[in-house]
Structure formats: C-alpha cells, structure tokens
N, C-alpha and C. Protein backbone atom coordinates (compact mmCIF):
# COMPACT_ATOMS: atom_id res chain seq x y z
N UNK A 1 84.16 98.13 110.26
CA UNK A 1 85.05 97.49 109.28
C UNK A 1 85.30 96.05 109.68
N UNK A 2 85.33 95.20 108.69
CA UNK A 2 85.56 93.78 108.95
C UNK A 2 86.94 93.37 108.46
N UNK A 3 87.37 92.20 108.91
CA UNK A 3 88.65 91.65 108.46
C UNK A 3 88.66 91.52 106.94
N UNK A 4 87.52 91.17 106.36
CA UNK A 4 87.43 90.99 104.90
C UNK A 4 87.78 92.25 104.13
N UNK A 5 87.57 93.43 104.75
CA UNK A 5 87.85 94.69 104.07
C UNK A 5 89.33 94.92 103.84
N UNK A 6 90.19 94.32 104.66
CA UNK A 6 91.62 94.63 104.58
C UNK A 6 92.52 93.40 104.45
N UNK A 7 91.97 92.20 104.52
CA UNK A 7 92.81 91.01 104.42
C UNK A 7 93.36 90.83 103.00
N UNK A 8 94.44 90.11 102.88
CA UNK A 8 95.00 89.74 101.58
C UNK A 8 94.31 88.46 101.13
N UNK A 9 93.71 88.52 99.94
CA UNK A 9 92.96 87.36 99.45
C UNK A 9 93.82 86.45 98.56
N UNK A 10 94.85 87.04 97.95
CA UNK A 10 95.75 86.25 97.11
C UNK A 10 96.80 85.63 98.03
N UNK A 11 96.65 84.34 98.32
CA UNK A 11 97.49 83.70 99.33
C UNK A 11 98.46 82.71 98.67
N UNK A 12 99.71 82.80 99.07
CA UNK A 12 100.71 81.82 98.65
C UNK A 12 100.83 80.81 99.79
N UNK A 13 100.68 79.53 99.48
CA UNK A 13 100.71 78.50 100.51
C UNK A 13 101.74 77.43 100.16
N UNK A 14 102.03 76.58 101.14
CA UNK A 14 102.91 75.43 100.93
C UNK A 14 102.26 74.20 101.55
N UNK A 15 102.81 73.05 101.24
CA UNK A 15 102.36 71.80 101.84
C UNK A 15 103.34 71.38 102.94
N UNK A 16 102.93 70.50 103.82
CA UNK A 16 103.84 70.04 104.88
C UNK A 16 105.13 69.42 104.33
N UNK A 17 105.04 68.85 103.13
CA UNK A 17 106.21 68.18 102.55
C UNK A 17 107.15 69.13 101.81
N UNK A 18 106.79 70.41 101.73
CA UNK A 18 107.64 71.39 101.05
C UNK A 18 108.97 71.54 101.80
N UNK A 19 110.07 71.52 101.07
CA UNK A 19 111.37 71.71 101.70
C UNK A 19 111.55 73.15 102.14
N UNK A 20 112.34 73.35 103.19
CA UNK A 20 112.57 74.69 103.72
C UNK A 20 113.16 75.61 102.65
N UNK A 21 114.12 75.11 101.89
CA UNK A 21 114.74 75.94 100.86
C UNK A 21 113.71 76.43 99.84
N UNK A 22 112.76 75.56 99.50
CA UNK A 22 111.72 75.95 98.55
C UNK A 22 110.78 76.98 99.17
N UNK A 23 110.51 76.83 100.46
CA UNK A 23 109.66 77.80 101.15
C UNK A 23 110.33 79.18 101.17
N UNK A 24 111.63 79.20 101.43
CA UNK A 24 112.38 80.46 101.43
C UNK A 24 112.33 81.11 100.04
N UNK A 25 112.51 80.30 99.01
CA UNK A 25 112.46 80.82 97.64
C UNK A 25 111.09 81.42 97.32
N UNK A 26 110.04 80.79 97.81
CA UNK A 26 108.68 81.29 97.60
C UNK A 26 108.48 82.65 98.28
N UNK A 27 108.98 82.77 99.50
CA UNK A 27 108.85 84.04 100.22
C UNK A 27 109.58 85.15 99.48
N UNK A 28 110.80 84.85 99.02
CA UNK A 28 111.58 85.86 98.31
C UNK A 28 110.90 86.26 97.00
N UNK A 29 110.41 85.28 96.27
CA UNK A 29 109.79 85.54 94.97
C UNK A 29 108.52 86.38 95.10
N UNK A 30 107.81 86.22 96.21
CA UNK A 30 106.54 86.92 96.39
C UNK A 30 106.62 88.08 97.39
N UNK A 31 107.84 88.34 97.89
CA UNK A 31 108.08 89.43 98.84
C UNK A 31 107.13 89.34 100.04
N UNK A 32 107.10 88.15 100.64
CA UNK A 32 106.27 87.92 101.83
C UNK A 32 107.12 87.30 102.92
N UNK A 33 106.55 87.24 104.13
CA UNK A 33 107.35 86.79 105.28
C UNK A 33 106.76 85.60 106.01
N UNK A 34 105.64 85.09 105.50
CA UNK A 34 105.03 83.90 106.13
C UNK A 34 104.22 83.14 105.10
N UNK A 35 104.05 81.84 105.37
CA UNK A 35 103.33 80.96 104.45
C UNK A 35 102.39 80.05 105.24
N UNK A 36 101.09 80.10 104.96
CA UNK A 36 100.18 79.11 105.55
C UNK A 36 100.50 77.73 104.98
N UNK A 37 100.34 76.71 105.80
CA UNK A 37 100.62 75.35 105.37
C UNK A 37 99.29 74.60 105.24
N UNK A 38 99.02 74.11 104.03
CA UNK A 38 97.77 73.40 103.77
C UNK A 38 98.03 71.93 103.49
N UNK A 39 97.15 71.09 104.02
CA UNK A 39 97.19 69.66 103.75
C UNK A 39 95.79 69.24 103.33
N UNK A 40 95.66 68.80 102.09
CA UNK A 40 94.35 68.48 101.53
C UNK A 40 93.39 69.66 101.64
N UNK A 41 93.93 70.87 101.42
CA UNK A 41 93.11 72.07 101.42
C UNK A 41 92.80 72.64 102.78
N UNK A 42 93.25 72.00 103.85
CA UNK A 42 92.97 72.45 105.21
C UNK A 42 94.22 73.04 105.85
N UNK A 43 94.03 74.09 106.62
CA UNK A 43 95.16 74.74 107.30
C UNK A 43 95.66 73.85 108.43
N UNK A 44 96.95 73.51 108.36
CA UNK A 44 97.54 72.65 109.40
C UNK A 44 98.73 73.30 110.08
N UNK A 45 99.15 74.47 109.60
CA UNK A 45 100.29 75.11 110.21
C UNK A 45 100.63 76.43 109.56
N UNK A 46 101.68 77.04 110.07
CA UNK A 46 102.16 78.32 109.54
C UNK A 46 103.67 78.34 109.67
N UNK A 47 104.34 78.77 108.62
CA UNK A 47 105.80 78.89 108.67
C UNK A 47 106.16 80.34 108.33
N UNK A 48 107.08 80.90 109.12
CA UNK A 48 107.48 82.29 108.93
C UNK A 48 109.00 82.39 108.79
N UNK A 49 109.45 83.57 108.38
CA UNK A 49 110.89 83.80 108.28
C UNK A 49 111.57 83.55 109.62
N UNK A 50 110.93 84.03 110.68
CA UNK A 50 111.50 83.86 112.01
C UNK A 50 111.64 82.41 112.41
N UNK A 51 110.62 81.60 112.09
CA UNK A 51 110.68 80.17 112.41
C UNK A 51 111.80 79.50 111.64
N UNK A 52 111.93 79.87 110.38
CA UNK A 52 112.99 79.27 109.54
C UNK A 52 114.36 79.66 110.06
N UNK A 53 114.53 80.94 110.40
CA UNK A 53 115.82 81.39 110.91
C UNK A 53 116.18 80.67 112.21
N UNK A 54 115.17 80.46 113.06
CA UNK A 54 115.41 79.75 114.32
C UNK A 54 115.78 78.30 114.12
N UNK A 55 115.36 77.71 112.97
CA UNK A 55 115.64 76.31 112.70
C UNK A 55 116.98 76.09 112.00
N UNK A 56 117.56 77.18 111.49
CA UNK A 56 118.81 77.05 110.75
C UNK A 56 119.98 76.87 111.72
N UNK A 57 121.00 76.15 111.30
CA UNK A 57 122.17 75.94 112.16
C UNK A 57 122.83 77.25 112.54
N UNK A 58 123.34 77.32 113.75
CA UNK A 58 124.02 78.51 114.23
C UNK A 58 125.31 78.74 113.46
N UNK A 59 125.77 80.02 113.44
CA UNK A 59 127.04 80.33 112.78
C UNK A 59 128.20 79.63 113.48
N UNK A 60 127.96 79.26 114.72
CA UNK A 60 129.03 78.61 115.49
C UNK A 60 129.10 77.11 115.21
N UNK A 61 128.22 76.61 114.36
CA UNK A 61 128.19 75.17 114.09
C UNK A 61 129.48 74.72 113.39
N UNK A 62 129.80 73.48 113.60
CA UNK A 62 130.99 72.93 112.95
C UNK A 62 130.65 72.33 111.58
N UNK A 63 129.36 72.42 111.18
CA UNK A 63 128.97 71.85 109.90
C UNK A 63 129.55 72.66 108.75
N UNK A 64 129.91 71.97 107.68
CA UNK A 64 130.39 72.65 106.48
C UNK A 64 129.19 73.22 105.71
N UNK A 65 129.46 74.11 104.75
CA UNK A 65 128.40 74.68 103.92
C UNK A 65 127.63 73.56 103.22
N UNK A 66 128.35 72.56 102.74
CA UNK A 66 127.71 71.43 102.06
C UNK A 66 126.76 70.71 103.01
N UNK A 67 127.23 70.48 104.24
CA UNK A 67 126.40 69.77 105.22
C UNK A 67 125.16 70.58 105.61
N UNK A 68 125.34 71.90 105.72
CA UNK A 68 124.20 72.76 106.06
C UNK A 68 123.17 72.73 104.94
N UNK A 69 123.62 72.87 103.70
CA UNK A 69 122.70 72.83 102.56
C UNK A 69 121.99 71.49 102.46
N UNK A 70 122.72 70.43 102.73
CA UNK A 70 122.12 69.09 102.69
C UNK A 70 121.04 68.97 103.76
N UNK A 71 121.34 69.51 104.95
CA UNK A 71 120.38 69.45 106.05
C UNK A 71 119.11 70.23 105.70
N UNK A 72 119.28 71.43 105.14
CA UNK A 72 118.13 72.25 104.80
C UNK A 72 117.31 71.64 103.67
N UNK A 73 117.97 70.96 102.76
CA UNK A 73 117.26 70.30 101.67
C UNK A 73 116.47 69.10 102.16
N UNK A 74 116.91 68.50 103.24
CA UNK A 74 116.21 67.33 103.78
C UNK A 74 115.08 67.72 104.74
N UNK A 75 115.16 68.95 105.29
CA UNK A 75 114.16 69.40 106.27
C UNK A 75 112.94 69.94 105.56
N UNK A 76 111.76 69.53 106.01
CA UNK A 76 110.52 70.00 105.40
C UNK A 76 109.80 70.99 106.31
N UNK A 77 108.83 71.66 105.74
CA UNK A 77 108.03 72.62 106.49
C UNK A 77 107.39 71.95 107.71
N UNK A 78 106.94 70.71 107.56
CA UNK A 78 106.27 69.98 108.65
C UNK A 78 107.18 69.82 109.86
N UNK A 79 108.49 69.82 109.64
CA UNK A 79 109.44 69.62 110.73
C UNK A 79 109.55 70.85 111.65
N UNK A 80 109.23 72.02 111.12
CA UNK A 80 109.48 73.25 111.90
C UNK A 80 108.26 74.15 112.05
N UNK A 81 107.18 73.90 111.31
CA UNK A 81 106.05 74.84 111.28
C UNK A 81 105.35 74.97 112.63
N UNK A 82 104.70 76.10 112.84
CA UNK A 82 103.86 76.31 114.00
C UNK A 82 102.52 75.62 113.75
N UNK A 83 102.19 74.67 114.61
CA UNK A 83 100.96 73.89 114.39
C UNK A 83 99.75 74.47 115.13
N UNK A 84 100.01 75.18 116.21
CA UNK A 84 98.93 75.78 116.98
C UNK A 84 98.69 77.19 116.45
N UNK A 85 97.98 77.28 115.34
CA UNK A 85 97.82 78.54 114.63
C UNK A 85 96.52 79.23 115.02
N UNK A 86 96.62 80.47 115.45
CA UNK A 86 95.43 81.25 115.75
C UNK A 86 94.86 81.80 114.45
N UNK A 87 93.55 81.74 114.31
CA UNK A 87 92.90 82.20 113.09
C UNK A 87 91.77 83.17 113.45
N UNK A 88 91.18 83.73 112.41
CA UNK A 88 90.03 84.63 112.59
C UNK A 88 89.13 84.47 111.37
N UNK A 89 87.86 84.82 111.51
CA UNK A 89 86.93 84.71 110.38
C UNK A 89 86.90 86.03 109.61
N UNK A 90 86.46 85.97 108.37
CA UNK A 90 86.47 87.17 107.53
C UNK A 90 85.44 88.20 107.98
N UNK A 91 84.38 87.76 108.65
CA UNK A 91 83.35 88.72 109.08
C UNK A 91 83.60 89.29 110.48
N UNK A 92 84.72 88.92 111.08
CA UNK A 92 85.08 89.48 112.39
C UNK A 92 85.44 90.96 112.21
N UNK A 93 85.18 91.75 113.24
CA UNK A 93 85.55 93.16 113.15
C UNK A 93 87.07 93.29 113.24
N UNK A 94 87.59 94.31 112.60
CA UNK A 94 89.04 94.48 112.52
C UNK A 94 89.67 94.62 113.90
N UNK A 95 88.92 95.20 114.83
CA UNK A 95 89.44 95.37 116.18
C UNK A 95 89.76 94.02 116.84
N UNK A 96 88.96 93.00 116.52
CA UNK A 96 89.21 91.67 117.07
C UNK A 96 90.55 91.12 116.58
N UNK A 97 90.85 91.36 115.31
CA UNK A 97 92.13 90.91 114.76
C UNK A 97 93.28 91.63 115.43
N UNK A 98 93.14 92.95 115.58
CA UNK A 98 94.20 93.73 116.23
C UNK A 98 94.40 93.28 117.68
N UNK A 99 93.29 93.00 118.36
CA UNK A 99 93.38 92.57 119.76
C UNK A 99 94.10 91.22 119.87
N UNK A 100 93.75 90.28 119.00
CA UNK A 100 94.41 88.96 119.03
C UNK A 100 95.90 89.09 118.79
N UNK A 101 96.27 89.88 117.80
CA UNK A 101 97.69 90.05 117.49
C UNK A 101 98.43 90.66 118.68
N UNK A 102 97.81 91.66 119.26
CA UNK A 102 98.42 92.35 120.40
C UNK A 102 98.50 91.44 121.62
N UNK A 103 97.42 90.72 121.88
CA UNK A 103 97.33 89.87 123.06
C UNK A 103 98.32 88.72 123.00
N UNK A 104 98.48 88.15 121.83
CA UNK A 104 99.32 86.95 121.70
C UNK A 104 100.68 87.25 121.07
N UNK A 105 100.96 88.54 120.84
CA UNK A 105 102.26 88.97 120.32
C UNK A 105 102.60 88.26 119.01
N UNK A 106 101.65 88.31 118.08
CA UNK A 106 101.85 87.71 116.76
C UNK A 106 101.58 88.78 115.70
N UNK A 107 102.10 88.55 114.51
CA UNK A 107 101.97 89.55 113.45
C UNK A 107 101.09 89.13 112.30
N UNK A 108 100.43 87.98 112.43
CA UNK A 108 99.62 87.49 111.31
C UNK A 108 98.51 86.58 111.81
N UNK A 109 97.38 86.63 111.13
CA UNK A 109 96.27 85.73 111.41
C UNK A 109 95.72 85.19 110.09
N UNK A 110 95.81 83.89 109.86
CA UNK A 110 95.11 83.32 108.71
C UNK A 110 93.61 83.52 108.89
N UNK A 111 92.92 83.80 107.80
CA UNK A 111 91.47 84.03 107.84
C UNK A 111 90.78 82.76 107.34
N UNK A 112 89.99 82.16 108.21
CA UNK A 112 89.38 80.86 107.91
C UNK A 112 87.86 80.93 108.05
N UNK A 113 87.14 80.57 107.00
CA UNK A 113 85.69 80.48 107.03
C UNK A 113 85.28 79.04 106.71
N UNK A 114 84.51 78.43 107.60
CA UNK A 114 84.03 77.05 107.38
C UNK A 114 85.18 76.10 107.03
N UNK A 115 86.28 76.20 107.78
CA UNK A 115 87.47 75.35 107.60
C UNK A 115 88.22 75.62 106.31
N UNK A 116 87.87 76.67 105.60
CA UNK A 116 88.57 77.01 104.36
C UNK A 116 89.37 78.29 104.53
N UNK A 117 90.64 78.26 104.12
CA UNK A 117 91.49 79.44 104.18
C UNK A 117 91.06 80.41 103.07
N UNK A 118 90.62 81.60 103.46
CA UNK A 118 90.12 82.57 102.48
C UNK A 118 90.97 83.83 102.40
N UNK A 119 91.92 83.95 103.31
CA UNK A 119 92.76 85.13 103.30
C UNK A 119 93.77 85.12 104.42
N UNK A 120 94.49 86.21 104.55
CA UNK A 120 95.46 86.35 105.62
C UNK A 120 95.53 87.84 105.97
N UNK A 121 95.61 88.14 107.25
CA UNK A 121 95.71 89.54 107.66
C UNK A 121 96.91 89.72 108.56
N UNK A 122 97.67 90.78 108.32
CA UNK A 122 98.92 91.01 109.04
C UNK A 122 98.86 92.34 109.79
N UNK A 123 99.89 92.57 110.60
CA UNK A 123 99.94 93.85 111.31
C UNK A 123 100.07 95.02 110.34
N UNK A 124 100.67 94.80 109.17
CA UNK A 124 100.75 95.86 108.17
C UNK A 124 99.37 96.20 107.61
N UNK A 125 98.53 95.18 107.47
CA UNK A 125 97.16 95.42 107.02
C UNK A 125 96.39 96.26 108.03
N UNK A 126 96.66 96.02 109.32
CA UNK A 126 96.01 96.80 110.38
C UNK A 126 96.46 98.26 110.28
N UNK A 127 97.74 98.49 110.01
CA UNK A 127 98.24 99.85 109.85
C UNK A 127 97.62 100.52 108.63
N UNK A 128 97.46 99.76 107.55
CA UNK A 128 96.81 100.30 106.35
C UNK A 128 95.37 100.72 106.66
N UNK A 129 94.70 99.92 107.48
CA UNK A 129 93.33 100.23 107.87
C UNK A 129 93.28 101.53 108.66
N UNK A 130 94.24 101.71 109.57
CA UNK A 130 94.29 102.94 110.36
C UNK A 130 94.49 104.16 109.46
N UNK A 131 95.41 104.05 108.51
CA UNK A 131 95.66 105.16 107.59
C UNK A 131 94.41 105.47 106.76
N UNK A 132 93.69 104.42 106.39
CA UNK A 132 92.45 104.59 105.63
C UNK A 132 91.40 105.34 106.46
N UNK A 133 91.26 104.93 107.72
CA UNK A 133 90.29 105.58 108.61
C UNK A 133 90.66 107.04 108.82
N UNK A 134 91.94 107.31 108.95
CA UNK A 134 92.40 108.66 109.22
C UNK A 134 92.35 109.56 107.98
N UNK A 135 92.13 108.95 106.81
CA UNK A 135 92.11 109.72 105.58
C UNK A 135 93.48 110.21 105.15
N UNK A 136 94.51 109.51 105.62
CA UNK A 136 95.88 109.92 105.33
C UNK A 136 96.15 109.89 103.83
N UNK A 137 96.73 110.98 103.32
CA UNK A 137 97.08 111.05 101.91
C UNK A 137 95.94 111.52 101.01
N UNK A 138 94.74 111.66 101.56
CA UNK A 138 93.60 112.14 100.76
C UNK A 138 93.58 113.66 100.75
N UNK A 139 93.05 114.21 99.67
CA UNK A 139 92.92 115.65 99.59
C UNK A 139 91.87 116.13 100.59
N UNK A 140 92.03 117.35 101.07
CA UNK A 140 91.08 117.87 102.03
C UNK A 140 91.80 118.52 103.20
N UNK A 141 91.05 118.79 104.24
CA UNK A 141 91.55 119.48 105.41
C UNK A 141 91.32 118.65 106.66
N UNK A 142 92.34 118.52 107.48
CA UNK A 142 92.21 117.81 108.75
C UNK A 142 92.18 118.81 109.89
N UNK A 143 91.17 118.70 110.75
CA UNK A 143 91.07 119.57 111.92
C UNK A 143 90.81 118.72 113.15
N UNK A 144 91.21 119.24 114.30
CA UNK A 144 91.00 118.57 115.58
C UNK A 144 90.06 119.42 116.43
N UNK A 145 88.98 118.80 116.88
CA UNK A 145 88.00 119.50 117.71
C UNK A 145 88.05 118.92 119.12
N UNK A 146 88.13 119.80 120.12
CA UNK A 146 88.20 119.38 121.52
C UNK A 146 86.85 119.61 122.18
N UNK A 147 86.28 118.54 122.76
CA UNK A 147 84.95 118.61 123.37
C UNK A 147 85.02 118.06 124.79
N UNK A 148 84.33 118.71 125.76
CA UNK A 148 84.30 118.16 127.13
C UNK A 148 83.81 116.71 127.14
N UNK A 149 84.39 115.92 128.01
CA UNK A 149 84.10 114.49 128.01
C UNK A 149 82.64 114.17 128.32
N UNK A 150 81.96 115.05 129.07
CA UNK A 150 80.60 114.75 129.47
C UNK A 150 79.55 115.33 128.51
N UNK A 151 79.98 115.90 127.38
CA UNK A 151 79.02 116.48 126.44
C UNK A 151 78.33 115.38 125.64
N UNK A 152 77.00 115.40 125.63
CA UNK A 152 76.21 114.38 124.94
C UNK A 152 75.79 114.89 123.57
N UNK A 153 75.83 114.01 122.57
CA UNK A 153 75.38 114.36 121.23
C UNK A 153 76.31 115.27 120.45
N UNK A 154 77.59 115.28 120.85
CA UNK A 154 78.52 116.22 120.23
C UNK A 154 78.76 115.91 118.75
N UNK A 155 78.75 114.63 118.39
CA UNK A 155 78.99 114.28 116.98
C UNK A 155 77.85 114.79 116.11
N UNK A 156 76.60 114.60 116.55
CA UNK A 156 75.44 115.07 115.79
C UNK A 156 75.50 116.58 115.59
N UNK A 157 75.87 117.30 116.66
CA UNK A 157 75.95 118.76 116.58
C UNK A 157 77.06 119.19 115.62
N UNK A 158 78.18 118.51 115.72
CA UNK A 158 79.33 118.83 114.88
C UNK A 158 79.01 118.60 113.40
N UNK A 159 78.41 117.47 113.11
CA UNK A 159 78.04 117.13 111.74
C UNK A 159 77.04 118.15 111.19
N UNK A 160 76.09 118.56 112.03
CA UNK A 160 75.08 119.53 111.61
C UNK A 160 75.72 120.86 111.23
N UNK A 161 76.68 121.33 112.04
CA UNK A 161 77.35 122.58 111.76
C UNK A 161 78.05 122.52 110.40
N UNK A 162 78.78 121.44 110.17
CA UNK A 162 79.51 121.31 108.90
C UNK A 162 78.56 121.17 107.72
N UNK A 163 77.47 120.42 107.91
CA UNK A 163 76.49 120.24 106.83
C UNK A 163 75.82 121.55 106.46
N UNK A 164 75.52 122.36 107.46
CA UNK A 164 74.88 123.65 107.21
C UNK A 164 75.76 124.57 106.37
N UNK A 165 77.06 124.35 106.42
CA UNK A 165 78.00 125.14 105.62
C UNK A 165 78.50 124.36 104.40
N UNK A 166 77.79 123.26 104.11
CA UNK A 166 78.06 122.44 102.91
C UNK A 166 79.46 121.87 102.88
N UNK A 167 79.94 121.47 104.07
CA UNK A 167 81.22 120.77 104.15
C UNK A 167 80.94 119.28 104.29
N UNK A 168 81.61 118.48 103.47
CA UNK A 168 81.43 117.03 103.50
C UNK A 168 82.54 116.38 104.33
N UNK A 169 82.14 115.51 105.28
CA UNK A 169 83.12 114.82 106.12
C UNK A 169 83.60 113.54 105.43
N UNK A 170 84.91 113.43 105.25
CA UNK A 170 85.49 112.23 104.64
C UNK A 170 85.72 111.14 105.69
N UNK A 171 86.32 111.52 106.82
CA UNK A 171 86.54 110.57 107.92
C UNK A 171 86.38 111.31 109.24
N UNK A 172 86.07 110.51 110.28
CA UNK A 172 85.91 111.09 111.62
C UNK A 172 86.33 110.06 112.65
N UNK A 173 87.21 110.46 113.56
CA UNK A 173 87.66 109.59 114.64
C UNK A 173 87.51 110.29 115.98
N UNK A 174 87.09 109.54 116.99
CA UNK A 174 86.95 110.09 118.34
C UNK A 174 87.99 109.45 119.25
N UNK A 175 88.77 110.28 119.91
CA UNK A 175 89.81 109.81 120.83
C UNK A 175 89.44 110.24 122.24
N UNK A 176 89.38 109.29 123.17
CA UNK A 176 89.02 109.59 124.55
C UNK A 176 90.26 109.94 125.37
N UNK A 177 90.21 111.11 126.01
CA UNK A 177 91.27 111.51 126.93
C UNK A 177 90.67 111.67 128.33
N UNK A 178 91.51 111.98 129.29
CA UNK A 178 91.04 112.05 130.68
C UNK A 178 89.90 113.04 130.87
N UNK A 179 90.08 114.26 130.37
CA UNK A 179 89.10 115.31 130.64
C UNK A 179 88.34 115.77 129.40
N UNK A 180 88.65 115.22 128.25
CA UNK A 180 88.00 115.68 127.03
C UNK A 180 87.93 114.58 125.99
N UNK A 181 87.14 114.84 124.95
CA UNK A 181 87.08 113.98 123.78
C UNK A 181 87.68 114.76 122.62
N UNK A 182 88.56 114.12 121.88
CA UNK A 182 89.21 114.77 120.75
C UNK A 182 88.67 114.15 119.47
N UNK A 183 88.13 114.99 118.59
CA UNK A 183 87.56 114.48 117.35
C UNK A 183 88.45 114.91 116.19
N UNK A 184 89.01 113.93 115.50
CA UNK A 184 89.83 114.20 114.32
C UNK A 184 88.93 114.10 113.10
N UNK A 185 88.77 115.23 112.37
CA UNK A 185 87.87 115.27 111.22
C UNK A 185 88.65 115.58 109.96
N UNK A 186 88.36 114.83 108.91
CA UNK A 186 88.94 115.09 107.59
C UNK A 186 87.80 115.60 106.71
N UNK A 187 87.88 116.85 106.29
CA UNK A 187 86.80 117.50 105.55
C UNK A 187 87.21 117.67 104.08
N UNK A 188 86.24 117.47 103.19
CA UNK A 188 86.50 117.52 101.75
C UNK A 188 86.58 118.96 101.25
N UNK A 189 87.58 119.68 101.69
CA UNK A 189 87.85 121.03 101.21
C UNK A 189 89.29 121.40 101.53
N UNK A 190 89.84 122.30 100.75
CA UNK A 190 91.20 122.77 101.04
C UNK A 190 91.17 124.11 101.77
N UNK A 191 89.98 124.61 102.05
CA UNK A 191 89.82 125.91 102.71
C UNK A 191 89.94 125.75 104.22
N UNK A 192 91.16 125.63 104.69
CA UNK A 192 91.43 125.37 106.10
C UNK A 192 90.89 126.49 106.99
N UNK A 193 91.14 127.71 106.59
CA UNK A 193 90.77 128.85 107.42
C UNK A 193 89.27 128.92 107.65
N UNK A 194 88.48 128.68 106.60
CA UNK A 194 87.02 128.77 106.74
C UNK A 194 86.45 127.64 107.58
N UNK A 195 87.04 126.44 107.46
CA UNK A 195 86.59 125.31 108.29
C UNK A 195 86.84 125.63 109.75
N UNK A 196 88.02 126.12 110.04
CA UNK A 196 88.36 126.48 111.42
C UNK A 196 87.46 127.59 111.93
N UNK A 197 87.22 128.59 111.10
CA UNK A 197 86.37 129.70 111.51
C UNK A 197 84.94 129.26 111.75
N UNK A 198 84.42 128.37 110.88
CA UNK A 198 83.06 127.87 111.01
C UNK A 198 82.87 127.13 112.33
N UNK A 199 83.82 126.26 112.67
CA UNK A 199 83.71 125.49 113.90
C UNK A 199 83.95 126.36 115.13
N UNK A 200 84.86 127.30 115.03
CA UNK A 200 85.13 128.20 116.16
C UNK A 200 83.91 129.08 116.44
N UNK A 201 83.25 129.53 115.36
CA UNK A 201 82.06 130.37 115.52
C UNK A 201 80.92 129.60 116.17
N UNK A 202 80.93 128.28 116.00
CA UNK A 202 79.89 127.44 116.61
C UNK A 202 80.22 127.10 118.05
N UNK A 203 81.36 127.61 118.54
CA UNK A 203 81.71 127.41 119.94
C UNK A 203 82.67 126.27 120.20
N UNK A 204 83.27 125.73 119.15
CA UNK A 204 84.18 124.59 119.33
C UNK A 204 85.63 125.07 119.44
N UNK A 205 86.39 124.39 120.27
CA UNK A 205 87.83 124.63 120.35
C UNK A 205 88.49 123.79 119.25
N UNK A 206 89.16 124.48 118.33
CA UNK A 206 89.70 123.81 117.14
C UNK A 206 91.20 124.01 117.05
N UNK A 207 91.91 122.94 116.70
CA UNK A 207 93.33 123.04 116.39
C UNK A 207 93.57 122.32 115.07
N UNK A 208 94.66 122.67 114.41
CA UNK A 208 94.97 122.06 113.11
C UNK A 208 96.07 121.02 113.26
C-alpha cells in the first residue's frame, strides 16, 4: 500500500499572509486541525490547532478582550507557522509515513511530488488503513491461526487449504511473536464453524 491509497487529496490551504482568525475559521468550517501554507503554489509551512493555541495569549494575561482580538487580527500565519515541515511522496509505502510520524512525534505529513502539494496524510488515515487491512466491518469470518515461528511456506499451505474448500480470503495479516507466528485471516463466509473445522482438520491451531 502506498501513501496515495489513503492520503486526503482535497486539501484546504492558506497563504503566509492569512490572519490567524481566518485560519481558525477555515479549520472550523472544514472540520480539520491543520493547514498547509502555500506561497506561489509551493509549501512553505504548516499551521495547526496546537500551534495556534500556543501562540494565543495566556488566560493570565492582563490584555483586555479587545486587545486580544486586535492582536490576533494583526498576527498572520507566517508569524507562527512551522517552517521546517517534514513531507513524504505519494508513492512512498504507508509504513514509511507511519514510521516518520512515530519517529518525529507528529500527526501529519504533507504529501509532495515534484515540489507540488498533492495531498496530506494524518495519523487518522494510518488508522483507517489498518482497519482496511484487517477487514474491520466487512462481512465474513475472522479466524486466528497459530503457526510455529520456524515453519516455512505456511502462508502457501494455509491458502491452499482454504482454496480447496472454496473459501475466499478477504484479508490476511501475519503477526510475529516470540515463539510463534499468528495469522489473522478474514474469510468471505459466515460459516465460522466450518472454517474452524477445515483448518483444524488440516492440523492448524485455530482460535476465533
């Protein structure tokens, strides 16, 4: 899977000269939490709810409401935006995006191809991808197969067993544990008992 498969392509952006109040209104209107900043079509920064909140005067300030509003109306995105923005390309594998977010403790990566902003991917998009891989919410049966860690060709054998009984695999994930490999399979049938019986008869340890 690539970043392009799960990124948001409809992007709301602002310019460096956009006032903070206008940026906040844009986020609220579009139910989003960050805005890429473009200057002459090129990505020059990123502004988020957190950055804006950090730039706002403290509740302990002696400024009046009028003075605070005046200050926010005079402050532009360029004054507070993050300029050192990490990006990723659309053809990068999704794992690279997840690794960057995890490594740098960030929740969003603008997607840039040939200096052009083509999308944005967030930690929520990564979660959506995981649910998609797991087949969450799809009709069918989910079973867990436990295989010794040193067994070679287990996926081919497993697929063959299911194919011989005309079961179609919707999704398959392999999880590595200390002493075993755990295979989470989503099969296109509601006949849980027969799937379990078929795999157990083939010598597999199965749990639901």
